[in-house]
PDB file of N, CA and C in Angstrom:
ATOM      1  N   ALA A   1     130.841  76.590  95.971  1.00  0.00           N
ATOM      2  CA  ALA A   1     132.071  75.840  96.151  1.00  0.00           C
ATOM      3  C   ALA A   1     131.809  74.483  96.777  1.00  0.00           C
ATOM      4  N   ALA A   2     130.726  74.346  97.525  1.00  0.00           N
ATOM      5  CA  ALA A   2     130.419  73.047  98.122  1.00  0.00           C
ATOM      6  C   ALA A   2     130.191  71.994  97.046  1.00  0.00           C
ATOM      7  N   LEU A   3     129.784  72.422  95.868  1.00  0.00           N
ATOM      8  CA  LEU A   3     129.530  71.481  94.775  1.00  0.00           C
ATOM      9  C   LEU A   3     130.809  70.876  94.212  1.00  0.00           C
ATOM     10  N   LEU A   4     131.931  71.458  94.482  1.00  0.00           N
ATOM     11  CA  LEU A   4     133.206  70.937  93.997  1.00  0.00           C
ATOM     12  C   LEU A   4     133.359  69.467  94.367  1.00  0.00           C
ATOM     13  N   PHE A   5     132.949  69.102  95.559  1.00  0.00           N
ATOM     14  CA  PHE A   5     133.112  67.734  96.030  1.00  0.00           C
ATOM     15  C   PHE A   5     132.095  66.780  95.414  1.00  0.00           C
ATOM     16  N   ASP A   6     131.154  67.299  94.656  1.00  0.00           N
ATOM     17  CA  ASP A   6     130.192  66.464  93.933  1.00  0.00           C
ATOM     18  C   ASP A   6     130.668  66.145  92.519  1.00  0.00           C
ATOM     19  N   TRP A   7     131.759  66.724  92.088  1.00  0.00           N
ATOM     20  CA  TRP A   7     132.269  66.535  90.730  1.00  0.00           C
ATOM     21  C   TRP A   7     133.657  65.914  90.766  1.00  0.00           C
ATOM     22  N   PRO A   8     133.747  64.600  90.885  1.00  0.00           N
ATOM     23  CA  PRO A   8     135.056  63.940  90.990  1.00  0.00           C
ATOM     24  C   PRO A   8     135.971  64.215  89.800  1.00  0.00           C
ATOM     25  N   GLU A   9     135.385  64.378  88.607  1.00  0.00           N
ATOM     26  CA  GLU A   9     136.229  64.632  87.430  1.00  0.00           C
ATOM     27  C   GLU A   9     136.913  65.997  87.505  1.00  0.00           C
ATOM     28  N   ILE A  10     136.296  66.947  88.164  1.00  0.00           N
ATOM     29  CA  ILE A  10     136.918  68.262  88.350  1.00  0.00           C
ATOM     30  C   ILE A  10     137.849  68.233  89.557  1.00  0.00           C
ATOM     31  N   LEU A  11     137.415  67.568  90.603  1.00  0.00           N
ATOM     32  CA  LEU A  11     138.208  67.497  91.835  1.00  0.00           C
ATOM     33  C   LEU A  11     139.583  66.886  91.587  1.00  0.00           C
ATOM     34  N   LYS A  12     139.658  65.904  90.704  1.00  0.00           N
ATOM     35  CA  LYS A  12     140.955  65.269  90.441  1.00  0.00           C
ATOM     36  C   LYS A  12     141.906  66.184  89.659  1.00  0.00           C
ATOM     37  N   GLU A  13     141.390  67.256  89.076  1.00  0.00           N
ATOM     38  CA  GLU A  13     142.219  68.215  88.342  1.00  0.00           C
ATOM     39  C   GLU A  13     142.781  69.311  89.250  1.00  0.00           C
ATOM     40  N   ILE A  14     142.355  69.333  90.496  1.00  0.00           N
ATOM     41  CA  ILE A  14     142.733  70.389  91.431  1.00  0.00           C
ATOM     42  C   ILE A  14     143.888  69.901  92.304  1.00  0.00           C
ATOM     43  N   ASP A  15     144.889  70.737  92.469  1.00  0.00           N
ATOM     44  CA  ASP A  15     146.038  70.354  93.290  1.00  0.00           C
ATOM     45  C   ASP A  15     145.685  70.265  94.771  1.00  0.00           C
ATOM     46  N   TYR A  16     144.922  71.215  95.260  1.00  0.00           N
ATOM     47  CA  TYR A  16     144.573  71.265  96.680  1.00  0.00           C
ATOM     48  C   TYR A  16     143.105  71.663  96.811  1.00  0.00           C
ATOM     49  N   SER A  17     142.373  70.901  97.580  1.00  0.00           N
ATOM     50  CA  SER A  17     140.994  71.294  97.877  1.00  0.00           C
ATOM     51  C   SER A  17     140.914  71.668  99.351  1.00  0.00           C
ATOM     52  N   ILE A  18     140.194  72.724  99.621  1.00  0.00           N
ATOM     53  CA  ILE A  18     140.061  73.217 100.992  1.00  0.00           C
ATOM     54  C   ILE A  18     138.582  73.227 101.344  1.00  0.00           C
ATOM     55  N   LEU A  19     138.246  72.531 102.407  1.00  0.00           N
ATOM     56  CA  LEU A  19     136.874  72.475 102.892  1.00  0.00           C
ATOM     57  C   LEU A  19     136.781  73.293 104.169  1.00  0.00           C
ATOM     58  N   ILE A  20     135.826  74.192 104.206  1.00  0.00           N
ATOM     59  CA  ILE A  20     135.602  74.991 105.404  1.00  0.00           C
ATOM     60  C   ILE A  20     134.388  74.422 106.110  1.00  0.00           C
ATOM     61  N   CYS A  21     134.607  73.913 107.315  1.00  0.00           N
ATOM     62  CA  CYS A  21     133.552  73.279 108.097  1.00  0.00           C
ATOM     63  C   CYS A  21     133.109  74.195 109.227  1.00  0.00           C
ATOM     64  N   SER A  22     131.851  74.067 109.559  1.00  0.00           N
ATOM     65  CA  SER A  22     131.281  74.808 110.673  1.00  0.00           C
ATOM     66  C   SER A  22     130.109  73.990 111.202  1.00  0.00           C
ATOM     67  N   SER A  23     129.769  74.206 112.435  1.00  0.00           N
ATOM     68  CA  SER A  23     128.637  73.466 112.998  1.00  0.00           C
ATOM     69  C   SER A  23     127.358  73.858 112.263  1.00  0.00           C
ATOM     70  N   GLY A  24     126.404  72.966 112.271  1.00  0.00           N
ATOM     71  CA  GLY A  24     125.123  73.242 111.627  1.00  0.00           C
ATOM     72  C   GLY A  24     124.456  74.487 112.177  1.00  0.00           C
ATOM     73  N   GLU A  25     124.552  74.680 113.475  1.00  0.00           N
ATOM     74  CA  GLU A  25     123.953  75.864 114.098  1.00  0.00           C
ATOM     75  C   GLU A  25     124.637  77.135 113.630  1.00  0.00           C
ATOM     76  N   ASN A  26     125.973  77.117 113.552  1.00  0.00           N
ATOM     77  CA  ASN A  26     126.702  78.301 113.063  1.00  0.00           C
ATOM     78  C   ASN A  26     126.316  78.623 111.624  1.00  0.00           C
ATOM     79  N   LYS A  27     126.242  77.591 110.796  1.00  0.00           N
ATOM     80  CA  LYS A  27     125.861  77.811 109.399  1.00  0.00           C
ATOM     81  C   LYS A  27     124.478  78.454 109.315  1.00  0.00           C
ATOM     82  N   LYS A  28     123.546  77.884 110.056  1.00  0.00           N
ATOM     83  CA  LYS A  28     122.171  78.390 110.010  1.00  0.00           C
ATOM     84  C   LYS A  28     122.112  79.819 110.530  1.00  0.00           C
ATOM     85  N   GLU A  29     122.771  80.076 111.641  1.00  0.00           N
ATOM     86  CA  GLU A  29     122.765  81.425 112.233  1.00  0.00           C
ATOM     87  C   GLU A  29     123.337  82.456 111.265  1.00  0.00           C
ATOM     88  N   ARG A  30     124.441  82.114 110.623  1.00  0.00           N
ATOM     89  CA  ARG A  30     125.069  83.035 109.668  1.00  0.00           C
ATOM     90  C   ARG A  30     124.186  83.258 108.447  1.00  0.00           C
ATOM     91  N   ALA A  31     123.576  82.190 107.943  1.00  0.00           N
ATOM     92  CA  ALA A  31     122.710  82.310 106.764  1.00  0.00           C
ATOM     93  C   ALA A  31     121.497  83.185 107.066  1.00  0.00           C
ATOM     94  N   VAL A  32     120.891  82.958 108.198  1.00  0.00           N
ATOM     95  CA  VAL A  32     119.710  83.744 108.586  1.00  0.00           C
ATOM     96  C   VAL A  32     120.104  85.204 108.805  1.00  0.00           C
ATOM     97  N   LYS A  33     121.249  85.407 109.432  1.00  0.00           N
ATOM     98  CA  LYS A  33     121.738  86.773 109.665  1.00  0.00           C
ATOM     99  C   LYS A  33     121.956  87.513 108.345  1.00  0.00           C
ATOM    100  N   ASN A  34     122.311  86.773 107.294  1.00  0.00           N
ATOM    101  CA  ASN A  34     122.540  87.371 105.982  1.00  0.00           C
ATOM    102  C   ASN A  34     121.289  87.383 105.108  1.00  0.00           C
ATOM    103  N   GLY A  35     120.130  87.089 105.718  1.00  0.00           N
ATOM    104  CA  GLY A  35     118.871  87.253 105.001  1.00  0.00           C
ATOM    105  C   GLY A  35     118.255  85.997 104.413  1.00  0.00           C
ATOM    106  N   MET A  36     118.847  84.857 104.623  1.00  0.00           N
ATOM    107  CA  MET A  36     118.287  83.627 104.079  1.00  0.00           C
ATOM    108  C   MET A  36     117.263  83.062 105.067  1.00  0.00           C
ATOM    109  N   GLY A  37     116.150  82.622 104.557  1.00  0.00           N
ATOM    110  CA  GLY A  37     115.133  82.015 105.404  1.00  0.00           C
ATOM    111  C   GLY A  37     115.580  80.645 105.892  1.00  0.00           C
ATOM    112  N   ARG A  38     115.108  80.251 107.060  1.00  0.00           N
ATOM    113  CA  ARG A  38     115.476  78.947 107.630  1.00  0.00           C
ATOM    114  C   ARG A  38     115.049  77.791 106.724  1.00  0.00           C
ATOM    115  N   HIS A  39     113.882  77.912 106.124  1.00  0.00           N
ATOM    116  CA  HIS A  39     113.387  76.851 105.245  1.00  0.00           C
ATOM    117  C   HIS A  39     114.310  76.678 104.035  1.00  0.00           C
ATOM    118  N   VAL A  40     114.679  77.773 103.425  1.00  0.00           N
ATOM    119  CA  VAL A  40     115.582  77.729 102.263  1.00  0.00           C
ATOM    120  C   VAL A  40     116.929  77.156 102.680  1.00  0.00           C
ATOM    121  N   PHE A  41     117.432  77.599 103.823  1.00  0.00           N
ATOM    122  CA  PHE A  41     118.713  77.087 104.326  1.00  0.00           C
ATOM    123  C   PHE A  41     118.648  75.571 104.485  1.00  0.00           C
ATOM    124  N   ASN A  42     117.588  75.073 105.108  1.00  0.00           N
ATOM    125  CA  ASN A  42     117.453  73.628 105.325  1.00  0.00           C
ATOM    126  C   ASN A  42     117.364  72.865 104.016  1.00  0.00           C
ATOM    127  N   GLN A  43     116.698  73.439 103.021  1.00  0.00           N
ATOM    128  CA  GLN A  43     116.610  72.791 101.702  1.00  0.00           C
ATOM    129  C   GLN A  43     117.990  72.685 101.060  1.00  0.00           C
ATOM    130  N   ILE A  44     118.742  73.766 101.105  1.00  0.00           N
ATOM    131  CA  ILE A  44     120.083  73.774 100.515  1.00  0.00           C
ATOM    132  C   ILE A  44     120.972  72.765 101.222  1.00  0.00           C
ATOM    133  N   LEU A  45     120.927  72.748 102.533  1.00  0.00           N
ATOM    134  CA  LEU A  45     121.767  71.837 103.313  1.00  0.00           C
ATOM    135  C   LEU A  45     121.442  70.378 102.991  1.00  0.00           C
ATOM    136  N   ARG A  46     120.164  70.064 102.820  1.00  0.00           N
ATOM    137  CA  ARG A  46     119.759  68.691 102.490  1.00  0.00           C
ATOM    138  C   ARG A  46     120.282  68.254 101.129  1.00  0.00           C
ATOM    139  N   LEU A  47     120.424  69.192 100.205  1.00  0.00           N
ATOM    140  CA  LEU A  47     120.887  68.864  98.856  1.00  0.00           C
ATOM    141  C   LEU A  47     122.399  68.677  98.772  1.00  0.00           C
ATOM    142  N   GLN A  48     123.120  69.198  99.750  1.00  0.00           N
ATOM    143  CA  GLN A  48     124.566  69.087  99.725  1.00  0.00           C
ATOM    144  C   GLN A  48     125.020  67.727 100.248  1.00  0.00           C
ATOM    145  N   GLN A  49     126.163  67.303  99.753  1.00  0.00           N
ATOM    146  CA  GLN A  49     126.796  66.099 100.256  1.00  0.00           C
ATOM    147  C   GLN A  49     127.106  66.304 101.739  1.00  0.00           C
ATOM    148  N   SER A  50     127.102  65.255 102.510  1.00  0.00           N
ATOM    149  CA  SER A  50     127.376  65.410 103.941  1.00  0.00           C
ATOM    150  C   SER A  50     128.812  65.885 104.158  1.00  0.00           C
ATOM    151  N   GLU A  51     128.991  66.651 105.205  1.00  0.00           N
ATOM    152  CA  GLU A  51     130.322  67.157 105.529  1.00  0.00           C
ATOM    153  C   GLU A  51     131.285  65.997 105.775  1.00  0.00           C
ATOM    154  N   THR A  52     130.785  64.919 106.351  1.00  0.00           N
ATOM    155  CA  THR A  52     131.611  63.729 106.616  1.00  0.00           C
ATOM    156  C   THR A  52     132.199  63.181 105.323  1.00  0.00           C
ATOM    157  N   GLU A  53     131.411  63.154 104.272  1.00  0.00           N
ATOM    158  CA  GLU A  53     131.888  62.665 102.981  1.00  0.00           C
ATOM    159  C   GLU A  53     132.860  63.651 102.336  1.00  0.00           C
ATOM    160  N   MET A  54     132.576  64.941 102.462  1.00  0.00           N
ATOM    161  CA  MET A  54     133.468  65.942 101.864  1.00  0.00           C
ATOM    162  C   MET A  54     134.826  65.961 102.565  1.00  0.00           C
ATOM    163  N   VAL A  55     134.849  65.720 103.876  1.00  0.00           N
ATOM    164  CA  VAL A  55     136.110  65.692 104.633  1.00  0.00           C
ATOM    165  C   VAL A  55     137.044  64.634 104.052  1.00  0.00           C
ATOM    166  N   LYS A  56     136.487  63.515 103.623  1.00  0.00           N
ATOM    167  CA  LYS A  56     137.294  62.436 103.051  1.00  0.00           C
ATOM    168  C   LYS A  56     137.984  62.859 101.761  1.00  0.00           C
ATOM    169  N   LEU A  57     137.407  63.826 101.057  1.00  0.00           N
ATOM    170  CA  LEU A  57     137.927  64.250  99.756  1.00  0.00           C
ATOM    171  C   LEU A  57     138.826  65.480  99.825  1.00  0.00           C
ATOM    172  N   ALA A  58     138.750  66.211 100.909  1.00  0.00           N
ATOM    173  CA  ALA A  58     139.473  67.487 101.019  1.00  0.00           C
ATOM    174  C   ALA A  58     140.945  67.278 101.357  1.00  0.00           C
ATOM    175  N   THR A  59     141.776  68.107 100.751  1.00  0.00           N
ATOM    176  CA  THR A  59     143.195  68.105 101.088  1.00  0.00           C
ATOM    177  C   THR A  59     143.410  68.790 102.430  1.00  0.00           C
ATOM    178  N   TYR A  60     142.727  69.893 102.630  1.00  0.00           N
ATOM    179  CA  TYR A  60     142.822  70.671 103.868  1.00  0.00           C
ATOM    180  C   TYR A  60     141.419  70.947 104.398  1.00  0.00           C
ATOM    181  N   ILE A  61     141.319  71.004 105.704  1.00  0.00           N
ATOM    182  CA  ILE A  61     140.042  71.299 106.347  1.00  0.00           C
ATOM    183  C   ILE A  61     140.244  72.462 107.307  1.00  0.00           C
ATOM    184  N   ILE A  62     139.392  73.457 107.166  1.00  0.00           N
ATOM    185  CA  ILE A  62     139.415  74.623 108.051  1.00  0.00           C
ATOM    186  C   ILE A  62     138.178  74.552 108.930  1.00  0.00           C
ATOM    187  N   ASN A  63     138.386  74.686 110.231  1.00  0.00           N
ATOM    188  CA  ASN A  63     137.284  74.712 111.188  1.00  0.00           C
ATOM    189  C   ASN A  63     136.893  76.160 111.415  1.00  0.00           C
ATOM    190  N   ASN A  64     135.677  76.509 111.029  1.00  0.00           N
ATOM    191  CA  ASN A  64     135.205  77.890 111.138  1.00  0.00           C
ATOM    192  C   ASN A  64     134.165  78.039 112.253  1.00  0.00           C
ATOM    193  N   ASN A  65     134.489  77.506 113.426  1.00  0.00           N
ATOM    194  CA  ASN A  65     133.612  77.640 114.582  1.00  0.00           C
ATOM    195  C   ASN A  65     134.181  78.596 115.626  1.00  0.00           C
ATOM    196  N   GLY A  66     135.383  79.086 115.387  1.00  0.00           N
ATOM    197  CA  GLY A  66     136.039  79.922 116.379  1.00  0.00           C
ATOM    198  C   GLY A  66     136.023  81.390 116.019  1.00  0.00           C
ATOM    199  N   THR A  67     137.072  82.057 116.429  1.00  0.00           N
ATOM    200  CA  THR A  67     137.198  83.493 116.205  1.00  0.00           C
ATOM    201  C   THR A  67     137.766  83.780 114.820  1.00  0.00           C
ATOM    202  N   VAL A  68     137.685  85.020 114.425  1.00  0.00           N
ATOM    203  CA  VAL A  68     138.274  85.443 113.149  1.00  0.00           C
ATOM    204  C   VAL A  68     139.780  85.216 113.197  1.00  0.00           C
ATOM    205  N   GLN A  69     140.396  85.476 114.339  1.00  0.00           N
ATOM    206  CA  GLN A  69     141.838  85.266 114.482  1.00  0.00           C
ATOM    207  C   GLN A  69     142.206  83.792 114.283  1.00  0.00           C
ATOM    208  N   GLU A  70     141.424  82.896 114.850  1.00  0.00           N
ATOM    209  CA  GLU A  70     141.687  81.466 114.673  1.00  0.00           C
ATOM    210  C   GLU A  70     141.531  81.057 113.213  1.00  0.00           C
ATOM    211  N   LEU A  71     140.551  81.630 112.542  1.00  0.00           N
ATOM    212  CA  LEU A  71     140.341  81.366 111.127  1.00  0.00           C
ATOM    213  C   LEU A  71     141.535  81.852 110.308  1.00  0.00           C
ATOM    214  N   LYS A  72     142.006  83.051 110.613  1.00  0.00           N
ATOM    215  CA  LYS A  72     143.179  83.593 109.913  1.00  0.00           C
ATOM    216  C   LYS A  72     144.407  82.718 110.122  1.00  0.00           C
ATOM    217  N   GLU A  73     144.586  82.219 111.329  1.00  0.00           N
ATOM    218  CA  GLU A  73     145.747  81.372 111.626  1.00  0.00           C
ATOM    219  C   GLU A  73     145.701  80.069 110.833  1.00  0.00           C
ATOM    220  N   GLN A  74     144.526  79.472 110.752  1.00  0.00           N
ATOM    221  CA  GLN A  74     144.383  78.239 109.965  1.00  0.00           C
ATOM    222  C   GLN A  74     144.677  78.502 108.487  1.00  0.00           C
ATOM    223  N   CYS A  75     144.134  79.581 107.977  1.00  0.00           N
ATOM    224  CA  CYS A  75     144.357  79.937 106.568  1.00  0.00           C
ATOM    225  C   CYS A  75     145.831  80.198 106.299  1.00  0.00           C
ATOM    226  N   HIS A  76     146.478  80.896 107.194  1.00  0.00           N
ATOM    227  CA  HIS A  76     147.906  81.199 107.026  1.00  0.00           C
ATOM    228  C   HIS A  76     148.731  79.907 107.038  1.00  0.00           C
ATOM    229  N   ARG A  77     148.403  78.982 107.953  1.00  0.00           N
ATOM    230  CA  ARG A  77     149.133  77.715 108.035  1.00  0.00           C
ATOM    231  C   ARG A  77     148.982  76.932 106.731  1.00  0.00           C
ATOM    232  N   ILE A  78     147.775  76.877 106.206  1.00  0.00           N
ATOM    233  CA  ILE A  78     147.540  76.159 104.946  1.00  0.00           C
ATOM    234  C   ILE A  78     148.263  76.840 103.794  1.00  0.00           C
ATOM    235  N   PHE A  79     148.205  78.171 103.761  1.00  0.00           N
ATOM    236  CA  PHE A  79     148.910  78.911 102.717  1.00  0.00           C
ATOM    237  C   PHE A  79     150.399  78.584 102.751  1.00  0.00           C
ATOM    238  N   GLU A  80     150.987  78.571 103.930  1.00  0.00           N
ATOM    239  CA  GLU A  80     152.429  78.272 104.066  1.00  0.00           C
ATOM    240  C   GLU A  80     152.738  76.853 103.603  1.00  0.00           C
ATOM    241  N   GLU A  81     151.886  75.896 103.961  1.00  0.00           N
ATOM    242  CA  GLU A  81     152.102  74.514 103.538  1.00  0.00           C
ATOM    243  C   GLU A  81     152.045  74.389 102.019  1.00  0.00           C
ATOM    244  N   ILE A  82     151.070  75.046 101.409  1.00  0.00           N
ATOM    245  CA  ILE A  82     150.953  74.973  99.957  1.00  0.00           C
ATOM    246  C   ILE A  82     152.127  75.686  99.298  1.00  0.00           C
ATOM    247  N   LYS A  83     152.486  76.843  99.834  1.00  0.00           N
ATOM    248  CA  LYS A  83     153.608  77.609  99.272  1.00  0.00           C
ATOM    249  C   LYS A  83     154.897  76.789  99.349  1.00  0.00           C
ATOM    250  N   ASN A  84     155.112  76.097 100.448  1.00  0.00           N
ATOM    251  CA  ASN A  84     156.319  75.299 100.606  1.00  0.00           C
ATOM    252  C   ASN A  84     156.305  74.037  99.751  1.00  0.00           C
ATOM    253  N   ASP A  85     155.137  73.646  99.308  1.00  0.00           N
ATOM    254  CA  ASP A  85     155.011  72.456  98.465  1.00  0.00           C
ATOM    255  C   ASP A  85     155.269  72.757  96.996  1.00  0.00           C
ATOM    256  N   CYS A  86     155.256  74.027  96.641  1.00  0.00           N
ATOM    257  CA  CYS A  86     155.432  74.408  95.236  1.00  0.00           C
ATOM    258  C   CYS A  86     156.879  74.447  94.826  1.00  0.00           C
TER     259      CYS A  86
END
């Protein structure tokens, strides 16, 4: 899904784009915990567009550095905003 922001022709066809951001350390910790090697993780991260650039393109941004409850609250708020926009 991170590649979505690399394809402007597809991005313009989407009504709402949602970017989920997390600190570099959180991303690495989660990837390693799920079996990905640190070297592979660093290679993938280097190939992706910077989060700063993706933030400029996203309709909504979710911060995934907190608790599961905080994540659910952000998702619910975005869902309500989109639902009310339809």
